[in-house]
Amino acid sequence: MSIFTDMSNREQNIWAELGINLAVSSYYFINVYSVPGGIGINSPEMGRIIGTVIIYSIIGSIVLFGAINWKRGEEPEDERDYRFKARANAISHWTLVACVIALIGFILYNGSDFSYRPFGVIKFTPLLNANVLLFSLLFSSTLGALMQLIHYRRGF
């Protein structure tokens, strides 16, 4: 437990955000890939998975952030915190922009032919597009939290 007492409140919050991102995205994508009919098929099972993920992420966030901030409270931010957050947000932002541009380019290149099977594996449907966008959001958010942790650990 000495690892958590050596960290600042802000670092603990970032670790909690990173843990929630990884846990929720792992749960979501493992369950989505096990849906009968594939990842791109609309089904009531997809709605159940999405609802469960939303509930788990809300409850997990309340419990984790509440446990972290219960005793210490929130620390005021200084200019170093603002700089670290700005750098991490910039990296996260440009990662998301690159992923969205790549998806738009893929859609424009293939037109609206949703019968296209990249690499002959799965059918590229609008629901699959939404899952790719969700993965891009989770990836950029996780990368932003990871970059913020790296900046805090390096100290500059």
N, C-alpha and C. Protein backbone atom coordinates (compact mmCIF):
# COMPACT_ATOMS: atom_id res chain seq x y z
N MET A 1 0.81 -1.20 0.00
CA MET A 1 0.00 0.00 0.00
C MET A 1 0.85 1.27 0.00
N SER A 2 2.15 1.18 0.22
CA SER A 2 2.99 2.37 0.26
C SER A 2 3.08 3.04 -1.11
N ILE A 3 2.79 2.31 -2.16
CA ILE A 3 2.81 2.90 -3.49
C ILE A 3 1.75 4.00 -3.58
N PHE A 4 0.57 3.74 -3.03
CA PHE A 4 -0.51 4.72 -3.13
C PHE A 4 -0.33 5.89 -2.17
N THR A 5 0.39 5.69 -1.07
CA THR A 5 0.60 6.81 -0.15
C THR A 5 1.71 7.73 -0.65
N ASP A 6 2.59 7.23 -1.52
CA ASP A 6 3.66 8.05 -2.08
C ASP A 6 3.20 8.92 -3.24
N MET A 7 2.04 8.64 -3.78
CA MET A 7 1.53 9.38 -4.93
C MET A 7 0.67 10.55 -4.47
N SER A 8 0.64 11.58 -5.30
CA SER A 8 -0.24 12.70 -5.03
C SER A 8 -1.68 12.30 -5.36
N ASN A 9 -2.59 13.11 -4.89
CA ASN A 9 -4.00 12.86 -5.16
C ASN A 9 -4.28 12.90 -6.66
N ARG A 10 -3.63 13.82 -7.34
CA ARG A 10 -3.84 13.95 -8.78
C ARG A 10 -3.37 12.70 -9.53
N GLU A 11 -2.21 12.16 -9.13
CA GLU A 11 -1.72 10.93 -9.76
C GLU A 11 -2.66 9.76 -9.50
N GLN A 12 -3.18 9.67 -8.29
CA GLN A 12 -4.12 8.60 -7.98
C GLN A 12 -5.39 8.71 -8.82
N ASN A 13 -5.86 9.94 -9.05
CA ASN A 13 -7.03 10.14 -9.90
C ASN A 13 -6.74 9.74 -11.35
N ILE A 14 -5.53 10.03 -11.82
CA ILE A 14 -5.17 9.65 -13.19
C ILE A 14 -5.08 8.13 -13.30
N TRP A 15 -4.48 7.47 -12.30
CA TRP A 15 -4.43 6.01 -12.31
C TRP A 15 -5.83 5.42 -12.29
N ALA A 16 -6.73 6.03 -11.52
CA ALA A 16 -8.11 5.54 -11.48
C ALA A 16 -8.78 5.70 -12.84
N GLU A 17 -8.56 6.84 -13.49
CA GLU A 17 -9.12 7.05 -14.83
C GLU A 17 -8.58 6.02 -15.82
N LEU A 18 -7.28 5.78 -15.75
CA LEU A 18 -6.66 4.79 -16.63
C LEU A 18 -7.21 3.40 -16.36
N GLY A 19 -7.35 3.04 -15.10
CA GLY A 19 -7.90 1.73 -14.75
C GLY A 19 -9.33 1.55 -15.20
N ILE A 20 -10.15 2.59 -15.04
CA ILE A 20 -11.55 2.51 -15.48
C ILE A 20 -11.60 2.40 -17.00
N ASN A 21 -10.80 3.19 -17.71
CA ASN A 21 -10.77 3.09 -19.17
C ASN A 21 -10.41 1.68 -19.64
N LEU A 22 -9.37 1.12 -19.06
CA LEU A 22 -8.93 -0.21 -19.48
C LEU A 22 -9.94 -1.29 -19.10
N ALA A 23 -10.49 -1.22 -17.89
CA ALA A 23 -11.45 -2.23 -17.45
C ALA A 23 -12.74 -2.19 -18.27
N VAL A 24 -13.27 -1.00 -18.46
CA VAL A 24 -14.53 -0.86 -19.20
C VAL A 24 -14.34 -1.23 -20.67
N SER A 25 -13.25 -0.78 -21.28
CA SER A 25 -13.04 -1.11 -22.69
C SER A 25 -12.77 -2.60 -22.87
N SER A 26 -12.05 -3.21 -21.94
CA SER A 26 -11.83 -4.66 -22.02
C SER A 26 -13.15 -5.42 -21.91
N TYR A 27 -13.95 -5.04 -20.94
CA TYR A 27 -15.25 -5.69 -20.76
C TYR A 27 -16.11 -5.52 -22.01
N TYR A 28 -16.15 -4.30 -22.54
CA TYR A 28 -17.00 -4.03 -23.70
C TYR A 28 -16.56 -4.83 -24.92
N PHE A 29 -15.28 -4.75 -25.27
CA PHE A 29 -14.84 -5.39 -26.50
C PHE A 29 -14.82 -6.91 -26.39
N ILE A 30 -14.56 -7.45 -25.21
CA ILE A 30 -14.64 -8.91 -25.05
C ILE A 30 -16.07 -9.38 -25.25
N ASN A 31 -17.04 -8.66 -24.67
CA ASN A 31 -18.44 -9.05 -24.82
C ASN A 31 -18.99 -8.78 -26.22
N VAL A 32 -18.52 -7.71 -26.86
CA VAL A 32 -19.00 -7.40 -28.21
C VAL A 32 -18.53 -8.46 -29.20
N TYR A 33 -17.29 -8.91 -29.05
CA TYR A 33 -16.78 -9.92 -29.98
C TYR A 33 -17.42 -11.29 -29.74
N SER A 34 -18.06 -11.49 -28.60
CA SER A 34 -18.71 -12.78 -28.35
C SER A 34 -20.19 -12.77 -28.73
N VAL A 35 -20.68 -11.65 -29.25
CA VAL A 35 -22.08 -11.57 -29.68
C VAL A 35 -22.29 -12.47 -30.90
N PRO A 36 -23.34 -13.29 -30.89
CA PRO A 36 -23.60 -14.14 -32.06
C PRO A 36 -23.90 -13.27 -33.30
N GLY A 37 -23.29 -13.59 -34.38
CA GLY A 37 -23.49 -12.85 -35.61
C GLY A 37 -22.39 -11.85 -35.90
N GLY A 38 -21.53 -11.57 -34.96
CA GLY A 38 -20.40 -10.70 -35.20
C GLY A 38 -20.56 -9.32 -34.61
N ILE A 39 -19.49 -8.55 -34.72
CA ILE A 39 -19.43 -7.24 -34.10
C ILE A 39 -20.28 -6.20 -34.83
N GLY A 40 -20.55 -6.38 -36.09
CA GLY A 40 -21.26 -5.38 -36.86
C GLY A 40 -22.75 -5.61 -36.98
N ILE A 41 -23.30 -6.56 -36.25
CA ILE A 41 -24.71 -6.90 -36.38
C ILE A 41 -25.52 -6.18 -35.29
N ASN A 42 -26.63 -5.53 -35.70
CA ASN A 42 -27.53 -4.92 -34.72
C ASN A 42 -28.31 -6.03 -34.03
N SER A 43 -28.32 -6.01 -32.71
CA SER A 43 -29.06 -7.02 -31.96
C SER A 43 -29.41 -6.48 -30.59
N PRO A 44 -30.41 -7.08 -29.94
CA PRO A 44 -30.74 -6.65 -28.58
C PRO A 44 -29.58 -6.90 -27.60
N GLU A 45 -28.75 -7.87 -27.91
CA GLU A 45 -27.60 -8.17 -27.08
C GLU A 45 -26.63 -6.99 -27.03
N MET A 46 -26.47 -6.28 -28.15
CA MET A 46 -25.60 -5.10 -28.19
C MET A 46 -26.13 -4.00 -27.26
N GLY A 47 -27.45 -3.80 -27.26
CA GLY A 47 -28.04 -2.82 -26.36
C GLY A 47 -27.82 -3.16 -24.91
N ARG A 48 -27.91 -4.44 -24.57
CA ARG A 48 -27.67 -4.88 -23.20
C ARG A 48 -26.22 -4.65 -22.80
N ILE A 49 -25.31 -4.94 -23.71
CA ILE A 49 -23.88 -4.75 -23.42
C ILE A 49 -23.58 -3.27 -23.22
N ILE A 50 -24.11 -2.41 -24.07
CA ILE A 50 -23.86 -0.98 -23.96
C ILE A 50 -24.43 -0.43 -22.66
N GLY A 51 -25.65 -0.83 -22.30
CA GLY A 51 -26.24 -0.39 -21.04
C GLY A 51 -25.44 -0.85 -19.83
N THR A 52 -24.97 -2.09 -19.86
CA THR A 52 -24.17 -2.61 -18.76
C THR A 52 -22.85 -1.87 -18.63
N VAL A 53 -22.23 -1.58 -19.75
CA VAL A 53 -20.95 -0.85 -19.73
C VAL A 53 -21.14 0.55 -19.15
N ILE A 54 -22.20 1.22 -19.53
CA ILE A 54 -22.46 2.57 -19.01
C ILE A 54 -22.66 2.53 -17.50
N ILE A 55 -23.45 1.57 -17.04
CA ILE A 55 -23.71 1.46 -15.60
C ILE A 55 -22.43 1.12 -14.84
N TYR A 56 -21.65 0.16 -15.35
CA TYR A 56 -20.38 -0.21 -14.70
C TYR A 56 -19.41 0.96 -14.64
N SER A 57 -19.32 1.73 -15.72
CA SER A 57 -18.37 2.84 -15.72
C SER A 57 -18.80 3.95 -14.76
N ILE A 58 -20.09 4.21 -14.65
CA ILE A 58 -20.56 5.23 -13.72
C ILE A 58 -20.33 4.78 -12.28
N ILE A 59 -20.72 3.56 -11.96
CA ILE A 59 -20.54 3.05 -10.60
C ILE A 59 -19.06 2.95 -10.25
N GLY A 60 -18.24 2.44 -11.18
CA GLY A 60 -16.81 2.34 -10.94
C GLY A 60 -16.16 3.69 -10.71
N SER A 61 -16.58 4.70 -11.48
CA SER A 61 -16.03 6.05 -11.32
C SER A 61 -16.41 6.63 -9.96
N ILE A 62 -17.66 6.47 -9.57
CA ILE A 62 -18.10 7.00 -8.28
C ILE A 62 -17.33 6.35 -7.14
N VAL A 63 -17.20 5.03 -7.20
CA VAL A 63 -16.52 4.31 -6.12
C VAL A 63 -15.03 4.67 -6.08
N LEU A 64 -14.35 4.59 -7.21
CA LEU A 64 -12.91 4.86 -7.22
C LEU A 64 -12.56 6.31 -6.87
N PHE A 65 -13.20 7.25 -7.54
CA PHE A 65 -12.88 8.65 -7.28
C PHE A 65 -13.34 9.07 -5.89
N GLY A 66 -14.45 8.50 -5.42
CA GLY A 66 -14.89 8.78 -4.05
C GLY A 66 -13.91 8.26 -3.03
N ALA A 67 -13.38 7.05 -3.24
CA ALA A 67 -12.41 6.48 -2.31
C ALA A 67 -11.10 7.27 -2.31
N ILE A 68 -10.69 7.74 -3.47
CA ILE A 68 -9.43 8.49 -3.56
C ILE A 68 -9.58 9.87 -2.92
N ASN A 69 -10.67 10.54 -3.20
CA ASN A 69 -10.83 11.93 -2.75
C ASN A 69 -11.51 12.04 -1.39
N TRP A 70 -11.83 10.93 -0.76
CA TRP A 70 -12.57 10.95 0.50
C TRP A 70 -11.80 11.69 1.59
N LYS A 71 -10.56 11.32 1.82
CA LYS A 71 -9.80 11.89 2.93
C LYS A 71 -9.00 13.13 2.54
N ARG A 72 -8.40 13.09 1.38
CA ARG A 72 -7.48 14.16 0.99
C ARG A 72 -8.18 15.39 0.43
N GLY A 73 -9.28 15.18 -0.24
CA GLY A 73 -9.92 16.28 -0.94
C GLY A 73 -9.19 16.57 -2.24
N GLU A 74 -9.57 17.62 -2.91
CA GLU A 74 -8.96 17.94 -4.19
C GLU A 74 -7.82 18.93 -4.00
N GLU A 75 -6.72 18.69 -4.71
CA GLU A 75 -5.56 19.56 -4.62
C GLU A 75 -5.71 20.72 -5.61
N PRO A 76 -5.30 21.92 -5.21
CA PRO A 76 -5.33 23.02 -6.18
C PRO A 76 -4.26 22.80 -7.25
N GLU A 77 -4.58 23.19 -8.48
CA GLU A 77 -3.63 23.01 -9.58
C GLU A 77 -2.67 24.18 -9.66
N ASP A 78 -1.42 23.89 -9.98
CA ASP A 78 -0.44 24.95 -10.21
C ASP A 78 -0.10 24.97 -11.70
N GLU A 79 0.86 25.84 -12.08
CA GLU A 79 1.18 25.97 -13.51
C GLU A 79 1.79 24.69 -14.08
N ARG A 80 2.49 23.91 -13.26
CA ARG A 80 3.04 22.65 -13.74
C ARG A 80 1.92 21.67 -14.09
N ASP A 81 0.89 21.61 -13.26
CA ASP A 81 -0.26 20.75 -13.53
C ASP A 81 -0.97 21.16 -14.82
N TYR A 82 -1.14 22.47 -14.99
CA TYR A 82 -1.77 22.96 -16.22
C TYR A 82 -0.94 22.59 -17.46
N ARG A 83 0.38 22.71 -17.35
CA ARG A 83 1.25 22.38 -18.48
C ARG A 83 1.19 20.89 -18.80
N PHE A 84 1.24 20.03 -17.76
CA PHE A 84 1.16 18.59 -17.99
C PHE A 84 -0.18 18.20 -18.60
N LYS A 85 -1.24 18.80 -18.10
CA LYS A 85 -2.57 18.49 -18.64
C LYS A 85 -2.71 18.97 -20.08
N ALA A 86 -2.15 20.14 -20.38
CA ALA A 86 -2.21 20.68 -21.74
C ALA A 86 -1.45 19.79 -22.72
N ARG A 87 -0.25 19.34 -22.33
CA ARG A 87 0.52 18.45 -23.21
C ARG A 87 -0.21 17.13 -23.45
N ALA A 88 -0.74 16.54 -22.38
CA ALA A 88 -1.45 15.27 -22.51
C ALA A 88 -2.72 15.44 -23.34
N ASN A 89 -3.44 16.54 -23.14
CA ASN A 89 -4.65 16.78 -23.93
C ASN A 89 -4.33 17.01 -25.40
N ALA A 90 -3.21 17.65 -25.69
CA ALA A 90 -2.81 17.87 -27.08
C ALA A 90 -2.51 16.54 -27.77
N ILE A 91 -1.78 15.68 -27.10
CA ILE A 91 -1.47 14.35 -27.67
C ILE A 91 -2.75 13.55 -27.85
N SER A 92 -3.62 13.58 -26.84
CA SER A 92 -4.89 12.86 -26.92
C SER A 92 -5.76 13.41 -28.06
N HIS A 93 -5.81 14.72 -28.18
CA HIS A 93 -6.61 15.36 -29.23
C HIS A 93 -6.12 14.96 -30.63
N TRP A 94 -4.84 15.07 -30.87
CA TRP A 94 -4.33 14.77 -32.21
C TRP A 94 -4.41 13.28 -32.52
N THR A 95 -4.34 12.44 -31.51
CA THR A 95 -4.55 11.00 -31.73
C THR A 95 -5.98 10.74 -32.18
N LEU A 96 -6.94 11.38 -31.50
CA LEU A 96 -8.34 11.21 -31.88
C LEU A 96 -8.61 11.76 -33.28
N VAL A 97 -8.03 12.91 -33.59
CA VAL A 97 -8.20 13.50 -34.92
C VAL A 97 -7.65 12.55 -35.99
N ALA A 98 -6.47 11.99 -35.75
CA ALA A 98 -5.88 11.06 -36.73
C ALA A 98 -6.74 9.82 -36.91
N CYS A 99 -7.28 9.28 -35.83
CA CYS A 99 -8.13 8.09 -35.93
C CYS A 99 -9.41 8.40 -36.71
N VAL A 100 -10.03 9.54 -36.42
CA VAL A 100 -11.27 9.90 -37.11
C VAL A 100 -11.00 10.17 -38.59
N ILE A 101 -9.89 10.85 -38.91
CA ILE A 101 -9.55 11.10 -40.31
C ILE A 101 -9.28 9.78 -41.03
N ALA A 102 -8.62 8.85 -40.37
CA ALA A 102 -8.38 7.54 -40.98
C ALA A 102 -9.69 6.81 -41.25
N LEU A 103 -10.62 6.86 -40.31
CA LEU A 103 -11.92 6.20 -40.52
C LEU A 103 -12.71 6.88 -41.64
N ILE A 104 -12.72 8.21 -41.66
CA ILE A 104 -13.41 8.92 -42.74
C ILE A 104 -12.77 8.61 -44.09
N GLY A 105 -11.45 8.56 -44.13
CA GLY A 105 -10.77 8.20 -45.38
C GLY A 105 -11.12 6.79 -45.82
N PHE A 106 -11.19 5.86 -44.88
CA PHE A 106 -11.56 4.49 -45.21
C PHE A 106 -12.98 4.43 -45.77
N ILE A 107 -13.90 5.19 -45.15
CA ILE A 107 -15.28 5.20 -45.63
C ILE A 107 -15.37 5.85 -47.01
N LEU A 108 -14.66 6.97 -47.20
CA LEU A 108 -14.70 7.63 -48.51
C LEU A 108 -14.06 6.78 -49.60
N TYR A 109 -13.01 6.08 -49.26
CA TYR A 109 -12.32 5.23 -50.23
C TYR A 109 -13.22 4.08 -50.67
N ASN A 110 -13.96 3.51 -49.75
CA ASN A 110 -14.82 2.36 -50.07
C ASN A 110 -16.24 2.75 -50.39
N GLY A 111 -16.57 4.03 -50.32
CA GLY A 111 -17.93 4.47 -50.59
C GLY A 111 -18.88 4.00 -49.51
N SER A 112 -20.15 3.94 -49.84
CA SER A 112 -21.14 3.50 -48.86
C SER A 112 -21.46 2.02 -49.05
N ASP A 113 -20.54 1.28 -49.63
CA ASP A 113 -20.74 -0.15 -49.84
C ASP A 113 -20.45 -0.88 -48.53
N PHE A 114 -21.52 -1.16 -47.79
CA PHE A 114 -21.35 -1.79 -46.50
C PHE A 114 -21.18 -3.31 -46.59
N SER A 115 -21.04 -3.80 -47.79
CA SER A 115 -20.76 -5.22 -47.93
C SER A 115 -19.26 -5.48 -48.03
N TYR A 116 -18.47 -4.40 -47.97
CA TYR A 116 -17.02 -4.54 -48.07
C TYR A 116 -16.46 -5.28 -46.86
N ARG A 117 -15.57 -6.20 -47.10
CA ARG A 117 -14.94 -6.97 -46.03
C ARG A 117 -13.43 -6.72 -46.07
N PRO A 118 -12.95 -5.81 -45.18
CA PRO A 118 -11.50 -5.59 -45.17
C PRO A 118 -10.78 -6.84 -44.70
N PHE A 119 -9.76 -7.21 -45.42
CA PHE A 119 -8.97 -8.40 -45.11
C PHE A 119 -9.80 -9.67 -45.13
N GLY A 120 -11.02 -9.61 -45.70
CA GLY A 120 -11.86 -10.79 -45.81
C GLY A 120 -12.36 -11.34 -44.49
N VAL A 121 -12.38 -10.52 -43.45
CA VAL A 121 -12.72 -11.05 -42.12
C VAL A 121 -14.13 -10.67 -41.70
N ILE A 122 -14.40 -9.39 -41.58
CA ILE A 122 -15.69 -8.95 -41.06
C ILE A 122 -16.33 -7.97 -42.04
N LYS A 123 -17.63 -7.90 -41.98
CA LYS A 123 -18.38 -6.99 -42.83
C LYS A 123 -18.34 -5.60 -42.21
N PHE A 124 -17.97 -4.60 -42.99
CA PHE A 124 -17.83 -3.24 -42.50
C PHE A 124 -19.18 -2.54 -42.54
N THR A 125 -19.88 -2.49 -41.40
CA THR A 125 -21.23 -1.94 -41.30
C THR A 125 -21.21 -0.63 -40.51
N PRO A 126 -22.33 0.12 -40.51
CA PRO A 126 -22.37 1.35 -39.70
C PRO A 126 -22.11 1.08 -38.21
N LEU A 127 -22.58 -0.05 -37.68
CA LEU A 127 -22.31 -0.36 -36.27
C LEU A 127 -20.83 -0.62 -36.04
N LEU A 128 -20.18 -1.21 -37.00
CA LEU A 128 -18.74 -1.40 -36.88
C LEU A 128 -18.01 -0.06 -36.92
N ASN A 129 -18.51 0.87 -37.75
CA ASN A 129 -17.95 2.23 -37.76
C ASN A 129 -18.07 2.86 -36.38
N ALA A 130 -19.22 2.69 -35.74
CA ALA A 130 -19.43 3.24 -34.40
C ALA A 130 -18.48 2.59 -33.40
N ASN A 131 -18.23 1.29 -33.53
CA ASN A 131 -17.30 0.62 -32.63
C ASN A 131 -15.87 1.09 -32.86
N VAL A 132 -15.51 1.38 -34.10
CA VAL A 132 -14.18 1.91 -34.39
C VAL A 132 -14.04 3.31 -33.79
N LEU A 133 -15.10 4.13 -33.89
CA LEU A 133 -15.07 5.45 -33.26
C LEU A 133 -14.96 5.34 -31.74
N LEU A 134 -15.70 4.41 -31.14
CA LEU A 134 -15.62 4.20 -29.70
C LEU A 134 -14.21 3.77 -29.30
N PHE A 135 -13.63 2.86 -30.07
CA PHE A 135 -12.25 2.44 -29.78
C PHE A 135 -11.29 3.63 -29.89
N SER A 136 -11.52 4.49 -30.87
CA SER A 136 -10.67 5.68 -31.03
C SER A 136 -10.78 6.60 -29.82
N LEU A 137 -12.00 6.80 -29.33
CA LEU A 137 -12.20 7.63 -28.14
C LEU A 137 -11.51 7.04 -26.93
N LEU A 138 -11.69 5.73 -26.72
CA LEU A 138 -11.06 5.08 -25.58
C LEU A 138 -9.53 5.10 -25.69
N PHE A 139 -9.03 4.89 -26.90
CA PHE A 139 -7.59 4.90 -27.13
C PHE A 139 -7.01 6.28 -26.84
N SER A 140 -7.65 7.34 -27.34
CA SER A 140 -7.11 8.68 -27.12
C SER A 140 -7.23 9.09 -25.65
N SER A 141 -8.30 8.71 -24.98
CA SER A 141 -8.45 9.01 -23.56
C SER A 141 -7.40 8.29 -22.72
N THR A 142 -7.19 7.02 -23.03
CA THR A 142 -6.18 6.24 -22.31
C THR A 142 -4.78 6.79 -22.57
N LEU A 143 -4.51 7.15 -23.81
CA LEU A 143 -3.21 7.73 -24.15
C LEU A 143 -3.00 9.06 -23.44
N GLY A 144 -4.05 9.88 -23.34
CA GLY A 144 -3.95 11.15 -22.64
C GLY A 144 -3.63 10.95 -21.16
N ALA A 145 -4.32 10.01 -20.50
CA ALA A 145 -4.05 9.73 -19.09
C ALA A 145 -2.64 9.17 -18.91
N LEU A 146 -2.23 8.31 -19.82
CA LEU A 146 -0.89 7.73 -19.74
C LEU A 146 0.19 8.80 -19.93
N MET A 147 -0.02 9.71 -20.85
CA MET A 147 0.95 10.79 -21.07
C MET A 147 1.01 11.72 -19.86
N GLN A 148 -0.13 11.96 -19.23
CA GLN A 148 -0.14 12.80 -18.05
C GLN A 148 0.64 12.12 -16.91
N LEU A 149 0.46 10.81 -16.76
CA LEU A 149 1.23 10.08 -15.75
C LEU A 149 2.72 10.11 -16.03
N ILE A 150 3.08 9.96 -17.29
CA ILE A 150 4.50 10.01 -17.66
C ILE A 150 5.09 11.37 -17.32
N HIS A 151 4.34 12.44 -17.62
CA HIS A 151 4.83 13.79 -17.30
C HIS A 151 4.98 13.98 -15.79
N TYR A 152 4.03 13.47 -15.01
CA TYR A 152 4.15 13.60 -13.55
C TYR A 152 5.32 12.81 -13.01
N ARG A 153 5.54 11.62 -13.56
CA ARG A 153 6.65 10.79 -13.09
C ARG A 153 8.01 11.38 -13.47
N ARG A 154 8.09 11.97 -14.67
CA ARG A 154 9.35 12.59 -15.09
C ARG A 154 9.58 13.89 -14.35
N GLY A 155 8.50 14.60 -14.04
CA GLY A 155 8.63 15.82 -13.27
C GLY A 155 8.85 17.08 -14.08
N PHE A 156 8.82 16.98 -15.40
CA PHE A 156 8.97 18.18 -16.22
C PHE A 156 8.16 18.06 -17.47
